[in-house]
Amino acid sequence: VFLLAFIKLVFPKFFRNLFILFFQTSIRQKQTREQLLQDSWAGLLINVLFFLSAGLFVTLLTKYKSWSILPFWNLYGYITALLVIIYIGKFLFIGFAGWVFNNKEAAQGYVFLVSMVNRIMGIVLIPFIVFLAFANQQLLNIVVTLSIGLVVILFFNYLILFYLQQMVL
């Protein structure tokens, strides 16, 4: 929450542009996208926020479902490191595939959309993390269902956005 508040306070234009771009039709999307890409520090911090909040969400979900006997902080470190490794590998593979198939623009567009949706997900998961950490058992079932539903909706959203972007190109 502190990192989110810091990003919002120090980079308010980036934060606003992120949500504008996510909910925007393609009329001014290219201009907003370029503004978002220019602020690399804010982008780096919000990516860190995604990895920390997604790692914490998966860790709390793992503890809730009793899928691991590892201590909480060890599990959190392993899951967050695994997420970072998976995403770095994914981005390297997509960049390589764009180079091999001579379609760097599509690869960059896909990477940008995935990154944007991940940034939104990192922010949106924070209230669910608080509920997973502190709610009673009855409320936990509802929170888990809602949060997983939201993650699935965001996943399909970026697939649809990528498909629509490719239709325009």
N, C-alpha and C. Protein backbone atom coordinates (compact mmCIF):
# COMPACT_ATOMS: atom_id res chain seq x y z
N VAL A 1 0.84 -1.19 0.00
CA VAL A 1 0.00 0.00 0.00
C VAL A 1 0.88 1.25 0.00
N PHE A 2 2.00 1.19 0.75
CA PHE A 2 2.91 2.33 0.77
C PHE A 2 3.50 2.59 -0.61
N LEU A 3 3.89 1.53 -1.31
CA LEU A 3 4.45 1.69 -2.65
C LEU A 3 3.42 2.27 -3.61
N LEU A 4 2.20 1.82 -3.52
CA LEU A 4 1.13 2.37 -4.35
C LEU A 4 0.91 3.85 -4.05
N ALA A 5 0.88 4.21 -2.79
CA ALA A 5 0.71 5.62 -2.41
C ALA A 5 1.89 6.46 -2.90
N PHE A 6 3.09 5.93 -2.80
CA PHE A 6 4.27 6.64 -3.28
C PHE A 6 4.19 6.89 -4.78
N ILE A 7 3.82 5.86 -5.54
CA ILE A 7 3.71 6.01 -7.00
C ILE A 7 2.63 7.03 -7.34
N LYS A 8 1.51 6.96 -6.66
CA LYS A 8 0.41 7.90 -6.94
C LYS A 8 0.81 9.32 -6.58
N LEU A 9 1.55 9.50 -5.53
CA LEU A 9 1.95 10.83 -5.09
C LEU A 9 3.05 11.42 -5.97
N VAL A 10 4.05 10.63 -6.29
CA VAL A 10 5.21 11.12 -7.04
C VAL A 10 4.93 11.17 -8.54
N PHE A 11 4.14 10.23 -9.06
CA PHE A 11 3.86 10.15 -10.49
C PHE A 11 2.36 10.19 -10.76
N PRO A 12 1.68 11.26 -10.42
CA PRO A 12 0.21 11.28 -10.60
C PRO A 12 -0.21 11.21 -12.06
N LYS A 13 0.56 11.80 -12.96
CA LYS A 13 0.20 11.78 -14.38
C LYS A 13 0.30 10.36 -14.94
N PHE A 14 1.35 9.64 -14.55
CA PHE A 14 1.51 8.26 -15.00
C PHE A 14 0.35 7.41 -14.51
N PHE A 15 0.01 7.57 -13.26
CA PHE A 15 -1.06 6.79 -12.64
C PHE A 15 -2.38 7.07 -13.37
N ARG A 16 -2.67 8.32 -13.63
CA ARG A 16 -3.90 8.71 -14.33
C ARG A 16 -3.89 8.14 -15.75
N ASN A 17 -2.76 8.28 -16.46
CA ASN A 17 -2.67 7.79 -17.84
C ASN A 17 -2.82 6.27 -17.92
N LEU A 18 -2.36 5.56 -16.91
CA LEU A 18 -2.48 4.11 -16.89
C LEU A 18 -3.95 3.70 -16.92
N PHE A 19 -4.76 4.33 -16.09
CA PHE A 19 -6.17 3.97 -16.05
C PHE A 19 -6.92 4.53 -17.25
N ILE A 20 -6.52 5.69 -17.74
CA ILE A 20 -7.15 6.23 -18.95
C ILE A 20 -6.91 5.28 -20.12
N LEU A 21 -5.68 4.82 -20.27
CA LEU A 21 -5.34 3.93 -21.38
C LEU A 21 -6.06 2.60 -21.26
N PHE A 22 -6.21 2.10 -20.05
CA PHE A 22 -6.87 0.81 -19.85
C PHE A 22 -8.34 0.85 -20.26
N PHE A 23 -9.01 1.97 -19.97
CA PHE A 23 -10.43 2.07 -20.26
C PHE A 23 -10.73 2.87 -21.52
N GLN A 24 -9.72 3.23 -22.27
CA GLN A 24 -9.88 4.10 -23.42
C GLN A 24 -10.09 3.30 -24.70
N THR A 25 -10.90 3.87 -25.57
CA THR A 25 -11.00 3.29 -26.90
C THR A 25 -9.77 3.70 -27.69
N SER A 26 -9.64 3.26 -28.88
CA SER A 26 -8.41 3.45 -29.63
C SER A 26 -8.27 4.84 -30.26
N ILE A 27 -9.14 5.78 -29.94
CA ILE A 27 -9.09 7.10 -30.55
C ILE A 27 -7.77 7.80 -30.24
N ARG A 28 -7.43 7.96 -28.96
CA ARG A 28 -6.20 8.63 -28.57
C ARG A 28 -5.23 7.69 -27.88
N GLN A 29 -5.41 6.41 -28.09
CA GLN A 29 -4.64 5.42 -27.35
C GLN A 29 -3.15 5.51 -27.63
N LYS A 30 -2.75 5.79 -28.85
CA LYS A 30 -1.33 5.84 -29.17
C LYS A 30 -0.62 6.97 -28.42
N GLN A 31 -1.26 8.13 -28.33
CA GLN A 31 -0.66 9.27 -27.62
C GLN A 31 -0.52 8.95 -26.13
N THR A 32 -1.56 8.40 -25.52
CA THR A 32 -1.50 8.06 -24.10
C THR A 32 -0.47 6.97 -23.87
N ARG A 33 -0.37 6.02 -24.79
CA ARG A 33 0.62 4.94 -24.66
C ARG A 33 2.03 5.50 -24.67
N GLU A 34 2.29 6.45 -25.57
CA GLU A 34 3.62 7.05 -25.63
C GLU A 34 3.94 7.83 -24.36
N GLN A 35 2.94 8.52 -23.80
CA GLN A 35 3.16 9.23 -22.55
C GLN A 35 3.49 8.25 -21.43
N LEU A 36 2.82 7.11 -21.43
CA LEU A 36 3.06 6.10 -20.40
C LEU A 36 4.45 5.50 -20.53
N LEU A 37 4.90 5.29 -21.76
CA LEU A 37 6.22 4.69 -21.99
C LEU A 37 7.36 5.64 -21.64
N GLN A 38 7.10 6.95 -21.63
CA GLN A 38 8.16 7.92 -21.37
C GLN A 38 8.61 7.93 -19.92
N ASP A 39 7.74 7.58 -19.01
CA ASP A 39 8.06 7.64 -17.59
C ASP A 39 8.55 6.28 -17.10
N SER A 40 9.83 6.01 -17.29
CA SER A 40 10.36 4.68 -17.01
C SER A 40 10.45 4.36 -15.52
N TRP A 41 10.71 5.37 -14.68
CA TRP A 41 10.79 5.11 -13.23
C TRP A 41 9.44 4.69 -12.67
N ALA A 42 8.41 5.39 -13.10
CA ALA A 42 7.06 5.04 -12.64
C ALA A 42 6.69 3.64 -13.13
N GLY A 43 7.04 3.34 -14.38
CA GLY A 43 6.76 2.02 -14.92
C GLY A 43 7.48 0.92 -14.16
N LEU A 44 8.74 1.17 -13.83
CA LEU A 44 9.50 0.19 -13.06
C LEU A 44 8.89 -0.02 -11.68
N LEU A 45 8.53 1.07 -11.01
CA LEU A 45 7.94 0.95 -9.67
C LEU A 45 6.60 0.24 -9.70
N ILE A 46 5.80 0.52 -10.71
CA ILE A 46 4.48 -0.13 -10.75
C ILE A 46 4.62 -1.60 -11.14
N ASN A 47 5.68 -1.95 -11.90
CA ASN A 47 5.95 -3.36 -12.17
C ASN A 47 6.38 -4.08 -10.90
N VAL A 48 7.20 -3.41 -10.09
CA VAL A 48 7.60 -3.97 -8.79
C VAL A 48 6.35 -4.17 -7.93
N LEU A 49 5.45 -3.19 -7.95
CA LEU A 49 4.19 -3.32 -7.21
C LEU A 49 3.41 -4.55 -7.67
N PHE A 50 3.36 -4.77 -8.99
CA PHE A 50 2.66 -5.96 -9.50
C PHE A 50 3.28 -7.23 -8.94
N PHE A 51 4.59 -7.36 -9.03
CA PHE A 51 5.24 -8.59 -8.57
C PHE A 51 5.06 -8.79 -7.07
N LEU A 52 5.16 -7.71 -6.30
CA LEU A 52 4.97 -7.84 -4.85
C LEU A 52 3.53 -8.19 -4.49
N SER A 53 2.57 -7.53 -5.11
CA SER A 53 1.17 -7.80 -4.77
C SER A 53 0.71 -9.14 -5.33
N ALA A 54 1.12 -9.50 -6.54
CA ALA A 54 0.74 -10.81 -7.09
C ALA A 54 1.39 -11.93 -6.28
N GLY A 55 2.64 -11.74 -5.89
CA GLY A 55 3.31 -12.74 -5.05
C GLY A 55 2.63 -12.90 -3.71
N LEU A 56 2.24 -11.78 -3.11
CA LEU A 56 1.54 -11.83 -1.82
C LEU A 56 0.17 -12.47 -1.97
N PHE A 57 -0.53 -12.14 -3.05
CA PHE A 57 -1.85 -12.73 -3.30
C PHE A 57 -1.75 -14.24 -3.44
N VAL A 58 -0.81 -14.72 -4.25
CA VAL A 58 -0.65 -16.17 -4.45
C VAL A 58 -0.20 -16.84 -3.15
N THR A 59 0.66 -16.17 -2.39
CA THR A 59 1.11 -16.73 -1.11
C THR A 59 -0.06 -16.86 -0.14
N LEU A 60 -0.86 -15.83 -0.02
CA LEU A 60 -2.02 -15.89 0.88
C LEU A 60 -3.03 -16.94 0.41
N LEU A 61 -3.21 -17.05 -0.89
CA LEU A 61 -4.11 -18.06 -1.43
C LEU A 61 -3.56 -19.46 -1.14
N THR A 62 -2.25 -19.64 -1.28
CA THR A 62 -1.62 -20.92 -0.99
C THR A 62 -1.77 -21.28 0.49
N LYS A 63 -1.58 -20.31 1.35
CA LYS A 63 -1.75 -20.57 2.79
C LYS A 63 -3.21 -20.84 3.13
N TYR A 64 -4.14 -20.12 2.49
CA TYR A 64 -5.57 -20.33 2.73
C TYR A 64 -5.99 -21.74 2.33
N LYS A 65 -5.47 -22.21 1.21
CA LYS A 65 -5.82 -23.56 0.73
C LYS A 65 -4.94 -24.65 1.35
N SER A 66 -3.96 -24.27 2.18
CA SER A 66 -3.04 -25.20 2.84
C SER A 66 -2.30 -26.06 1.83
N TRP A 67 -1.80 -25.44 0.78
CA TRP A 67 -1.06 -26.15 -0.27
C TRP A 67 0.42 -26.25 0.03
N SER A 68 0.91 -25.57 1.06
CA SER A 68 2.33 -25.58 1.35
C SER A 68 2.55 -25.54 2.86
N ILE A 69 3.65 -26.16 3.27
CA ILE A 69 4.01 -26.14 4.69
C ILE A 69 5.19 -25.20 4.94
N LEU A 70 5.65 -24.54 3.89
CA LEU A 70 6.76 -23.60 4.05
C LEU A 70 6.35 -22.42 4.93
N PRO A 71 7.30 -21.84 5.64
CA PRO A 71 6.99 -20.61 6.39
C PRO A 71 6.54 -19.50 5.42
N PHE A 72 5.69 -18.62 5.92
CA PHE A 72 5.04 -17.61 5.08
C PHE A 72 6.05 -16.79 4.29
N TRP A 73 7.06 -16.23 4.95
CA TRP A 73 7.98 -15.32 4.26
C TRP A 73 8.86 -16.05 3.24
N ASN A 74 9.23 -17.29 3.54
CA ASN A 74 9.97 -18.08 2.55
C ASN A 74 9.11 -18.34 1.32
N LEU A 75 7.87 -18.74 1.55
CA LEU A 75 6.95 -19.00 0.45
C LEU A 75 6.71 -17.74 -0.38
N TYR A 76 6.56 -16.61 0.29
CA TYR A 76 6.36 -15.34 -0.41
C TYR A 76 7.57 -15.00 -1.29
N GLY A 77 8.75 -15.19 -0.75
CA GLY A 77 9.96 -14.93 -1.54
C GLY A 77 10.08 -15.86 -2.73
N TYR A 78 9.79 -17.14 -2.54
CA TYR A 78 9.88 -18.10 -3.64
C TYR A 78 8.84 -17.80 -4.73
N ILE A 79 7.62 -17.52 -4.32
CA ILE A 79 6.56 -17.26 -5.30
C ILE A 79 6.84 -15.97 -6.07
N THR A 80 7.27 -14.93 -5.37
CA THR A 80 7.58 -13.67 -6.05
C THR A 80 8.75 -13.85 -7.01
N ALA A 81 9.79 -14.54 -6.58
CA ALA A 81 10.93 -14.80 -7.47
C ALA A 81 10.50 -15.64 -8.67
N LEU A 82 9.64 -16.62 -8.46
CA LEU A 82 9.14 -17.44 -9.56
C LEU A 82 8.34 -16.60 -10.56
N LEU A 83 7.50 -15.70 -10.06
CA LEU A 83 6.75 -14.80 -10.95
C LEU A 83 7.69 -13.93 -11.78
N VAL A 84 8.71 -13.38 -11.14
CA VAL A 84 9.67 -12.54 -11.86
C VAL A 84 10.37 -13.36 -12.94
N ILE A 85 10.81 -14.56 -12.61
CA ILE A 85 11.51 -15.41 -13.58
C ILE A 85 10.58 -15.77 -14.74
N ILE A 86 9.34 -16.12 -14.44
CA ILE A 86 8.38 -16.47 -15.49
C ILE A 86 8.15 -15.29 -16.43
N TYR A 87 7.95 -14.10 -15.87
CA TYR A 87 7.67 -12.94 -16.73
C TYR A 87 8.90 -12.49 -17.51
N ILE A 88 10.07 -12.56 -16.93
CA ILE A 88 11.28 -12.22 -17.69
C ILE A 88 11.46 -13.21 -18.84
N GLY A 89 11.27 -14.49 -18.56
CA GLY A 89 11.36 -15.50 -19.62
C GLY A 89 10.32 -15.29 -20.70
N LYS A 90 9.12 -14.96 -20.29
CA LYS A 90 8.04 -14.72 -21.25
C LYS A 90 8.36 -13.53 -22.15
N PHE A 91 8.82 -12.43 -21.56
CA PHE A 91 9.12 -11.24 -22.35
C PHE A 91 10.32 -11.47 -23.27
N LEU A 92 11.31 -12.22 -22.81
CA LEU A 92 12.45 -12.55 -23.67
C LEU A 92 12.01 -13.43 -24.84
N PHE A 93 11.17 -14.40 -24.57
CA PHE A 93 10.68 -15.28 -25.62
C PHE A 93 9.84 -14.51 -26.65
N ILE A 94 8.97 -13.63 -26.17
CA ILE A 94 8.14 -12.86 -27.09
C ILE A 94 9.00 -11.92 -27.93
N GLY A 95 9.98 -11.28 -27.31
CA GLY A 95 10.90 -10.43 -28.06
C GLY A 95 11.67 -11.22 -29.11
N PHE A 96 12.13 -12.41 -28.73
CA PHE A 96 12.85 -13.27 -29.67
C PHE A 96 11.93 -13.72 -30.81
N ALA A 97 10.69 -14.09 -30.48
CA ALA A 97 9.75 -14.53 -31.51
C ALA A 97 9.42 -13.37 -32.46
N GLY A 98 9.28 -12.16 -31.93
CA GLY A 98 9.06 -10.99 -32.79
C GLY A 98 10.22 -10.75 -33.73
N TRP A 99 11.42 -10.98 -33.25
CA TRP A 99 12.61 -10.81 -34.08
C TRP A 99 12.70 -11.91 -35.15
N VAL A 100 12.46 -13.17 -34.74
CA VAL A 100 12.55 -14.30 -35.66
C VAL A 100 11.51 -14.19 -36.78
N PHE A 101 10.29 -13.84 -36.42
CA PHE A 101 9.22 -13.78 -37.41
C PHE A 101 9.09 -12.39 -38.04
N ASN A 102 10.05 -11.52 -37.74
CA ASN A 102 10.09 -10.18 -38.32
C ASN A 102 8.79 -9.42 -38.08
N ASN A 103 8.30 -9.52 -36.86
CA ASN A 103 7.07 -8.82 -36.49
C ASN A 103 7.26 -8.21 -35.10
N LYS A 104 8.24 -7.33 -35.00
CA LYS A 104 8.57 -6.73 -33.71
C LYS A 104 7.45 -5.86 -33.19
N GLU A 105 6.71 -5.22 -34.09
CA GLU A 105 5.62 -4.32 -33.67
C GLU A 105 4.53 -5.09 -32.93
N ALA A 106 4.15 -6.25 -33.44
CA ALA A 106 3.13 -7.06 -32.78
C ALA A 106 3.64 -7.57 -31.44
N ALA A 107 4.91 -7.97 -31.39
CA ALA A 107 5.49 -8.46 -30.14
C ALA A 107 5.53 -7.33 -29.11
N GLN A 108 5.94 -6.14 -29.52
CA GLN A 108 5.98 -5.00 -28.60
C GLN A 108 4.58 -4.62 -28.14
N GLY A 109 3.61 -4.68 -29.03
CA GLY A 109 2.22 -4.39 -28.66
C GLY A 109 1.70 -5.37 -27.64
N TYR A 110 2.01 -6.65 -27.83
CA TYR A 110 1.58 -7.67 -26.89
C TYR A 110 2.24 -7.47 -25.53
N VAL A 111 3.54 -7.23 -25.53
CA VAL A 111 4.26 -7.00 -24.28
C VAL A 111 3.70 -5.79 -23.55
N PHE A 112 3.39 -4.73 -24.30
CA PHE A 112 2.83 -3.54 -23.67
C PHE A 112 1.47 -3.83 -23.05
N LEU A 113 0.60 -4.56 -23.76
CA LEU A 113 -0.72 -4.87 -23.22
C LEU A 113 -0.63 -5.75 -21.99
N VAL A 114 0.23 -6.76 -22.04
CA VAL A 114 0.40 -7.63 -20.87
C VAL A 114 0.92 -6.82 -19.69
N SER A 115 1.87 -5.95 -19.95
CA SER A 115 2.43 -5.11 -18.90
C SER A 115 1.37 -4.18 -18.32
N MET A 116 0.55 -3.59 -19.18
CA MET A 116 -0.49 -2.68 -18.70
C MET A 116 -1.52 -3.42 -17.83
N VAL A 117 -1.95 -4.59 -18.29
CA VAL A 117 -2.93 -5.35 -17.52
C VAL A 117 -2.32 -5.81 -16.21
N ASN A 118 -1.04 -6.21 -16.21
CA ASN A 118 -0.38 -6.61 -14.97
C ASN A 118 -0.30 -5.45 -13.99
N ARG A 119 -0.02 -4.26 -14.50
CA ARG A 119 0.04 -3.08 -13.63
C ARG A 119 -1.31 -2.81 -12.99
N ILE A 120 -2.37 -2.90 -13.78
CA ILE A 120 -3.73 -2.72 -13.24
C ILE A 120 -4.02 -3.81 -12.22
N MET A 121 -3.64 -5.04 -12.54
CA MET A 121 -3.89 -6.16 -11.64
C MET A 121 -3.14 -5.97 -10.32
N GLY A 122 -1.93 -5.48 -10.38
CA GLY A 122 -1.17 -5.23 -9.16
C GLY A 122 -1.87 -4.24 -8.24
N ILE A 123 -2.54 -3.27 -8.82
CA ILE A 123 -3.26 -2.27 -8.03
C ILE A 123 -4.58 -2.85 -7.51
N VAL A 124 -5.31 -3.53 -8.39
CA VAL A 124 -6.64 -4.03 -8.05
C VAL A 124 -6.58 -5.17 -7.02
N LEU A 125 -5.49 -5.91 -7.00
CA LEU A 125 -5.39 -7.03 -6.06
C LEU A 125 -5.18 -6.59 -4.61
N ILE A 126 -4.76 -5.36 -4.40
CA ILE A 126 -4.43 -4.91 -3.04
C ILE A 126 -5.61 -5.04 -2.06
N PRO A 127 -6.83 -4.59 -2.41
CA PRO A 127 -7.94 -4.80 -1.46
C PRO A 127 -8.22 -6.28 -1.18
N PHE A 128 -8.08 -7.12 -2.21
CA PHE A 128 -8.29 -8.56 -2.01
C PHE A 128 -7.22 -9.14 -1.10
N ILE A 129 -6.00 -8.65 -1.20
CA ILE A 129 -4.92 -9.10 -0.32
C ILE A 129 -5.25 -8.78 1.14
N VAL A 130 -5.76 -7.58 1.36
CA VAL A 130 -6.13 -7.18 2.73
C VAL A 130 -7.21 -8.10 3.27
N PHE A 131 -8.21 -8.39 2.44
CA PHE A 131 -9.28 -9.30 2.89
C PHE A 131 -8.75 -10.72 3.10
N LEU A 132 -7.89 -11.20 2.21
CA LEU A 132 -7.33 -12.54 2.40
C LEU A 132 -6.52 -12.63 3.69
N ALA A 133 -5.86 -11.55 4.05
CA ALA A 133 -5.01 -11.57 5.24
C ALA A 133 -5.80 -11.46 6.53
N PHE A 134 -6.92 -10.72 6.51
CA PHE A 134 -7.57 -10.39 7.78
C PHE A 134 -9.04 -10.81 7.90
N ALA A 135 -9.66 -11.34 6.87
CA ALA A 135 -11.09 -11.65 6.92
C ALA A 135 -11.35 -12.98 7.62
N ASN A 136 -12.60 -13.15 8.06
CA ASN A 136 -12.98 -14.42 8.68
C ASN A 136 -13.21 -15.48 7.61
N GLN A 137 -13.40 -16.71 8.03
CA GLN A 137 -13.48 -17.85 7.11
C GLN A 137 -14.63 -17.73 6.12
N GLN A 138 -15.80 -17.27 6.55
CA GLN A 138 -16.94 -17.18 5.65
C GLN A 138 -16.70 -16.15 4.54
N LEU A 139 -16.10 -15.04 4.90
CA LEU A 139 -15.82 -14.00 3.93
C LEU A 139 -14.68 -14.39 2.99
N LEU A 140 -13.78 -15.24 3.46
CA LEU A 140 -12.65 -15.67 2.63
C LEU A 140 -13.09 -16.41 1.37
N ASN A 141 -14.11 -17.26 1.48
CA ASN A 141 -14.59 -17.98 0.31
C ASN A 141 -15.09 -17.02 -0.76
N ILE A 142 -15.80 -15.99 -0.36
CA ILE A 142 -16.31 -14.99 -1.29
C ILE A 142 -15.16 -14.20 -1.90
N VAL A 143 -14.20 -13.79 -1.07
CA VAL A 143 -13.06 -13.00 -1.55
C VAL A 143 -12.23 -13.80 -2.55
N VAL A 144 -11.98 -15.07 -2.26
CA VAL A 144 -11.21 -15.91 -3.17
C VAL A 144 -11.92 -16.04 -4.51
N THR A 145 -13.22 -16.29 -4.47
CA THR A 145 -13.98 -16.43 -5.71
C THR A 145 -13.98 -15.14 -6.52
N LEU A 146 -14.23 -14.01 -5.86
CA LEU A 146 -14.23 -12.72 -6.56
C LEU A 146 -12.86 -12.37 -7.13
N SER A 147 -11.82 -12.60 -6.35
CA SER A 147 -10.48 -12.22 -6.81
C SER A 147 -10.02 -13.09 -7.98
N ILE A 148 -10.28 -14.37 -7.92
CA ILE A 148 -9.91 -15.24 -9.04
C ILE A 148 -10.75 -14.89 -10.27
N GLY A 149 -12.01 -14.57 -10.08
CA GLY A 149 -12.85 -14.12 -11.19
C GLY A 149 -12.32 -12.85 -11.82
N LEU A 150 -11.86 -11.93 -10.99
CA LEU A 150 -11.30 -10.68 -11.50
C LEU A 150 -10.01 -10.92 -12.29
N VAL A 151 -9.17 -11.80 -11.81
CA VAL A 151 -7.93 -12.13 -12.52
C VAL A 151 -8.25 -12.75 -13.87
N VAL A 152 -9.23 -13.63 -13.92
CA VAL A 152 -9.63 -14.26 -15.18
C VAL A 152 -10.20 -13.21 -16.14
N ILE A 153 -11.02 -12.30 -15.63
CA ILE A 153 -11.57 -11.24 -16.47
C ILE A 153 -10.46 -10.36 -17.04
N LEU A 154 -9.50 -9.98 -16.22
CA LEU A 154 -8.38 -9.18 -16.70
C LEU A 154 -7.55 -9.94 -17.73
N PHE A 155 -7.38 -11.23 -17.54
CA PHE A 155 -6.65 -12.05 -18.50
C PHE A 155 -7.35 -12.05 -19.86
N PHE A 156 -8.65 -12.31 -19.85
CA PHE A 156 -9.39 -12.31 -21.11
C PHE A 156 -9.48 -10.91 -21.71
N ASN A 157 -9.49 -9.91 -20.87
CA ASN A 157 -9.51 -8.53 -21.36
C ASN A 157 -8.27 -8.23 -22.20
N TYR A 158 -7.09 -8.63 -21.72
CA TYR A 158 -5.90 -8.32 -22.50
C TYR A 158 -5.82 -9.18 -23.76
N LEU A 159 -6.37 -10.38 -23.73
CA LEU A 159 -6.42 -11.17 -24.97
C LEU A 159 -7.32 -10.50 -26.01
N ILE A 160 -8.45 -10.01 -25.57
CA ILE A 160 -9.37 -9.32 -26.48
C ILE A 160 -8.75 -8.03 -26.97
N LEU A 161 -8.10 -7.27 -26.08
CA LEU A 161 -7.45 -6.03 -26.50
C LEU A 161 -6.35 -6.30 -27.52
N PHE A 162 -5.57 -7.34 -27.32
CA PHE A 162 -4.52 -7.67 -28.27
C PHE A 162 -5.11 -8.07 -29.61
N TYR A 163 -6.17 -8.86 -29.59
CA TYR A 163 -6.82 -9.26 -30.83
C TYR A 163 -7.36 -8.03 -31.57
N LEU A 164 -8.01 -7.13 -30.85
CA LEU A 164 -8.54 -5.92 -31.48
C LEU A 164 -7.40 -5.04 -32.04
N GLN A 165 -6.30 -4.97 -31.30
CA GLN A 165 -5.15 -4.20 -31.77
C GLN A 165 -4.59 -4.78 -33.07
N GLN A 166 -4.55 -6.09 -33.16
CA GLN A 166 -4.05 -6.73 -34.38
C GLN A 166 -5.02 -6.55 -35.54
N MET A 167 -6.30 -6.44 -35.26
CA MET A 167 -7.27 -6.20 -36.32
C MET A 167 -7.09 -4.81 -36.91
N VAL A 168 -6.69 -3.84 -36.07
CA VAL A 168 -6.47 -2.47 -36.53
C VAL A 168 -5.22 -2.40 -37.39
N LEU A 169 -4.17 -3.15 -37.00
CA LEU A 169 -2.91 -3.14 -37.76
C LEU A 169 -3.14 -3.87 -39.03
